[in-house]
Amino acid sequence: MTIKEANFPFDVGIAKLIQNKGIKQIYIANKAGYTAQELSDMLNGRKIIKLCDVPRLADALGEDIDTIYSAGEESE
C-alpha cells in the first residue's frame, strides 16, 4: 500500500474542500498547526495523514470528519 492509498479519501476530501471554499492551502496549514510544505506533502502522497491529523484539519476547515470523508469518496 502506498502513502497516497493510505491517505485516501481524506487527502482528496481536504483538497476538494479547500478548492470549493476558495481558500489557500497555507491558510489551512497554519490554522491546523502545520507548515505549507507539510500539508502539501500530505495531500500529494509524500507524508501519511495520521489519525491525529484528521480532527486538526477538520477544525481548520470548519467541517466535520464525515464531510471530509464524503467529499473524498465522491471523487472516486
N, C-alpha and C. Protein backbone atom coordinates (compact mmCIF):
# COMPACT_ATOMS: atom_id res chain seq x y z
N MET A 1 0.85 -1.18 0.00
CA MET A 1 0.00 0.00 0.00
C MET A 1 0.89 1.24 0.00
N THR A 2 0.57 2.18 -0.86
CA THR A 2 1.32 3.43 -0.93
C THR A 2 0.76 4.45 0.06
N ILE A 3 1.52 5.50 0.29
CA ILE A 3 1.04 6.57 1.17
C ILE A 3 -0.22 7.20 0.59
N LYS A 4 -0.23 7.41 -0.72
CA LYS A 4 -1.40 8.00 -1.38
C LYS A 4 -2.64 7.14 -1.12
N GLU A 5 -2.49 5.84 -1.23
CA GLU A 5 -3.62 4.93 -0.98
C GLU A 5 -4.05 4.97 0.48
N ALA A 6 -3.08 5.08 1.39
CA ALA A 6 -3.40 5.12 2.82
C ALA A 6 -4.11 6.42 3.19
N ASN A 7 -3.79 7.50 2.52
CA ASN A 7 -4.40 8.80 2.83
C ASN A 7 -5.80 8.96 2.25
N PHE A 8 -6.15 8.14 1.28
CA PHE A 8 -7.46 8.25 0.64
C PHE A 8 -8.55 7.79 1.60
N PRO A 9 -9.68 8.48 1.67
CA PRO A 9 -10.18 9.59 0.88
C PRO A 9 -9.95 10.96 1.53
N PHE A 10 -9.22 10.98 2.65
CA PHE A 10 -9.05 12.25 3.35
C PHE A 10 -8.24 13.26 2.56
N ASP A 11 -7.20 12.81 1.87
CA ASP A 11 -6.39 13.74 1.08
C ASP A 11 -7.23 14.41 -0.01
N VAL A 12 -8.03 13.62 -0.69
CA VAL A 12 -8.88 14.14 -1.76
C VAL A 12 -9.96 15.06 -1.19
N GLY A 13 -10.57 14.65 -0.09
CA GLY A 13 -11.62 15.46 0.54
C GLY A 13 -11.11 16.80 1.02
N ILE A 14 -9.94 16.80 1.65
CA ILE A 14 -9.36 18.06 2.13
C ILE A 14 -9.05 18.98 0.96
N ALA A 15 -8.41 18.45 -0.06
CA ALA A 15 -8.07 19.27 -1.23
C ALA A 15 -9.33 19.82 -1.90
N LYS A 16 -10.34 18.99 -2.01
CA LYS A 16 -11.60 19.41 -2.66
C LYS A 16 -12.28 20.52 -1.85
N LEU A 17 -12.33 20.37 -0.54
CA LEU A 17 -12.97 21.39 0.30
C LEU A 17 -12.19 22.70 0.28
N ILE A 18 -10.87 22.62 0.28
CA ILE A 18 -10.05 23.84 0.18
C ILE A 18 -10.37 24.56 -1.12
N GLN A 19 -10.43 23.81 -2.21
CA GLN A 19 -10.73 24.41 -3.51
C GLN A 19 -12.14 24.99 -3.54
N ASN A 20 -13.12 24.23 -3.05
CA ASN A 20 -14.51 24.69 -3.07
C ASN A 20 -14.73 25.94 -2.23
N LYS A 21 -13.98 26.07 -1.15
CA LYS A 21 -14.12 27.24 -0.28
C LYS A 21 -13.34 28.44 -0.82
N GLY A 22 -12.47 28.19 -1.81
CA GLY A 22 -11.70 29.29 -2.39
C GLY A 22 -10.65 29.85 -1.44
N ILE A 23 -10.10 28.99 -0.60
CA ILE A 23 -9.07 29.43 0.33
C ILE A 23 -7.73 28.81 -0.06
N LYS A 24 -6.68 29.29 0.51
CA LYS A 24 -5.35 28.80 0.18
C LYS A 24 -4.93 27.71 1.16
N GLN A 25 -4.15 26.75 0.64
CA GLN A 25 -3.66 25.65 1.48
C GLN A 25 -2.85 26.18 2.66
N ILE A 26 -2.09 27.24 2.45
CA ILE A 26 -1.24 27.77 3.52
C ILE A 26 -2.09 28.25 4.70
N TYR A 27 -3.26 28.80 4.41
CA TYR A 27 -4.16 29.26 5.47
C TYR A 27 -4.60 28.07 6.33
N ILE A 28 -5.02 26.99 5.70
CA ILE A 28 -5.47 25.80 6.43
C ILE A 28 -4.30 25.16 7.16
N ALA A 29 -3.15 25.10 6.51
CA ALA A 29 -1.96 24.52 7.14
C ALA A 29 -1.62 25.27 8.41
N ASN A 30 -1.54 26.58 8.33
CA ASN A 30 -1.20 27.39 9.50
C ASN A 30 -2.24 27.26 10.60
N LYS A 31 -3.50 27.27 10.21
CA LYS A 31 -4.59 27.17 11.19
C LYS A 31 -4.57 25.82 11.91
N ALA A 32 -4.13 24.77 11.21
CA ALA A 32 -4.07 23.43 11.80
C ALA A 32 -2.74 23.17 12.50
N GLY A 33 -1.79 24.10 12.37
CA GLY A 33 -0.51 23.94 13.05
C GLY A 33 0.55 23.23 12.22
N TYR A 34 0.40 23.26 10.91
CA TYR A 34 1.37 22.64 10.00
C TYR A 34 2.01 23.72 9.14
N THR A 35 3.14 23.37 8.55
CA THR A 35 3.71 24.26 7.54
C THR A 35 2.98 23.99 6.22
N ALA A 36 3.12 24.90 5.29
CA ALA A 36 2.52 24.71 3.97
C ALA A 36 3.09 23.46 3.31
N GLN A 37 4.39 23.21 3.51
CA GLN A 37 5.03 22.04 2.91
C GLN A 37 4.49 20.74 3.51
N GLU A 38 4.26 20.72 4.82
CA GLU A 38 3.71 19.51 5.46
C GLU A 38 2.34 19.17 4.90
N LEU A 39 1.48 20.18 4.78
CA LEU A 39 0.14 19.92 4.24
C LEU A 39 0.24 19.49 2.79
N SER A 40 1.08 20.14 2.02
CA SER A 40 1.27 19.75 0.63
C SER A 40 1.73 18.30 0.53
N ASP A 41 2.66 17.92 1.39
CA ASP A 41 3.14 16.54 1.39
C ASP A 41 2.02 15.55 1.73
N MET A 42 1.15 15.92 2.64
CA MET A 42 0.01 15.06 3.00
C MET A 42 -0.94 14.89 1.81
N LEU A 43 -1.21 15.99 1.13
CA LEU A 43 -2.19 15.96 0.05
C LEU A 43 -1.63 15.34 -1.23
N ASN A 44 -0.31 15.24 -1.32
CA ASN A 44 0.31 14.71 -2.53
C ASN A 44 1.01 13.37 -2.33
N GLY A 45 0.68 12.69 -1.25
CA GLY A 45 1.17 11.33 -1.05
C GLY A 45 2.62 11.20 -0.65
N ARG A 46 3.18 12.25 -0.08
CA ARG A 46 4.57 12.18 0.38
C ARG A 46 4.66 12.03 1.90
N LYS A 47 3.55 12.23 2.60
CA LYS A 47 3.51 12.12 4.06
C LYS A 47 2.16 11.54 4.45
N ILE A 48 2.19 10.58 5.36
CA ILE A 48 0.95 9.94 5.77
C ILE A 48 0.10 10.89 6.61
N ILE A 49 -1.19 10.85 6.40
CA ILE A 49 -2.12 11.60 7.24
C ILE A 49 -2.47 10.67 8.41
N LYS A 50 -1.99 11.02 9.59
CA LYS A 50 -2.22 10.18 10.78
C LYS A 50 -3.60 10.47 11.35
N LEU A 51 -4.06 9.56 12.15
CA LEU A 51 -5.37 9.69 12.78
C LEU A 51 -5.49 11.00 13.56
N CYS A 52 -4.42 11.41 14.21
CA CYS A 52 -4.45 12.66 14.99
C CYS A 52 -4.47 13.90 14.10
N ASP A 53 -4.10 13.77 12.83
CA ASP A 53 -4.11 14.90 11.91
C ASP A 53 -5.52 15.25 11.43
N VAL A 54 -6.37 14.25 11.31
CA VAL A 54 -7.69 14.44 10.70
C VAL A 54 -8.54 15.45 11.47
N PRO A 55 -8.70 15.34 12.80
CA PRO A 55 -9.52 16.33 13.50
C PRO A 55 -8.94 17.75 13.44
N ARG A 56 -7.60 17.86 13.45
CA ARG A 56 -6.97 19.18 13.36
C ARG A 56 -7.30 19.83 12.02
N LEU A 57 -7.22 19.05 10.96
CA LEU A 57 -7.52 19.59 9.63
C LEU A 57 -9.00 19.88 9.48
N ALA A 58 -9.84 19.04 10.06
CA ALA A 58 -11.29 19.27 10.01
C ALA A 58 -11.64 20.58 10.71
N ASP A 59 -11.07 20.80 11.89
CA ASP A 59 -11.31 22.05 12.62
C ASP A 59 -10.84 23.26 11.82
N ALA A 60 -9.68 23.15 11.21
CA ALA A 60 -9.14 24.25 10.41
C ALA A 60 -10.05 24.57 9.22
N LEU A 61 -10.67 23.53 8.66
CA LEU A 61 -11.58 23.72 7.53
C LEU A 61 -12.98 24.14 7.97
N GLY A 62 -13.28 23.99 9.26
CA GLY A 62 -14.62 24.29 9.75
C GLY A 62 -15.63 23.24 9.32
N GLU A 63 -15.16 22.02 9.15
CA GLU A 63 -16.01 20.91 8.71
C GLU A 63 -15.86 19.75 9.68
N ASP A 64 -16.79 18.81 9.62
CA ASP A 64 -16.63 17.62 10.43
C ASP A 64 -15.91 16.54 9.61
N ILE A 65 -15.43 15.54 10.30
CA ILE A 65 -14.64 14.48 9.67
C ILE A 65 -15.45 13.75 8.61
N ASP A 66 -16.73 13.52 8.87
CA ASP A 66 -17.58 12.82 7.91
C ASP A 66 -17.70 13.59 6.60
N THR A 67 -17.75 14.90 6.68
CA THR A 67 -17.84 15.72 5.47
C THR A 67 -16.57 15.60 4.63
N ILE A 68 -15.43 15.59 5.28
CA ILE A 68 -14.16 15.41 4.56
C ILE A 68 -14.14 14.05 3.89
N TYR A 69 -14.50 13.01 4.63
CA TYR A 69 -14.51 11.65 4.11
C TYR A 69 -15.44 11.55 2.90
N SER A 70 -16.64 12.09 3.04
CA SER A 70 -17.63 12.04 1.96
C SER A 70 -17.16 12.79 0.72
N ALA A 71 -16.55 13.95 0.93
CA ALA A 71 -16.05 14.74 -0.20
C ALA A 71 -14.99 13.96 -0.96
N GLY A 72 -14.17 13.21 -0.25
CA GLY A 72 -13.15 12.41 -0.89
C GLY A 72 -13.73 11.20 -1.61
N GLU A 73 -14.70 10.58 -1.01
CA GLU A 73 -15.34 9.40 -1.59
C GLU A 73 -16.08 9.75 -2.88
N GLU A 74 -16.66 10.94 -2.95
CA GLU A 74 -17.41 11.35 -4.15
C GLU A 74 -16.52 11.43 -5.37
N SER A 75 -15.24 11.64 -5.16
CA SER A 75 -14.29 11.79 -6.26
C SER A 75 -13.80 10.45 -6.80
N GLU A 76 -14.16 9.38 -6.14
CA GLU A 76 -13.67 8.07 -6.56
C GLU A 76 -14.27 7.62 -7.84
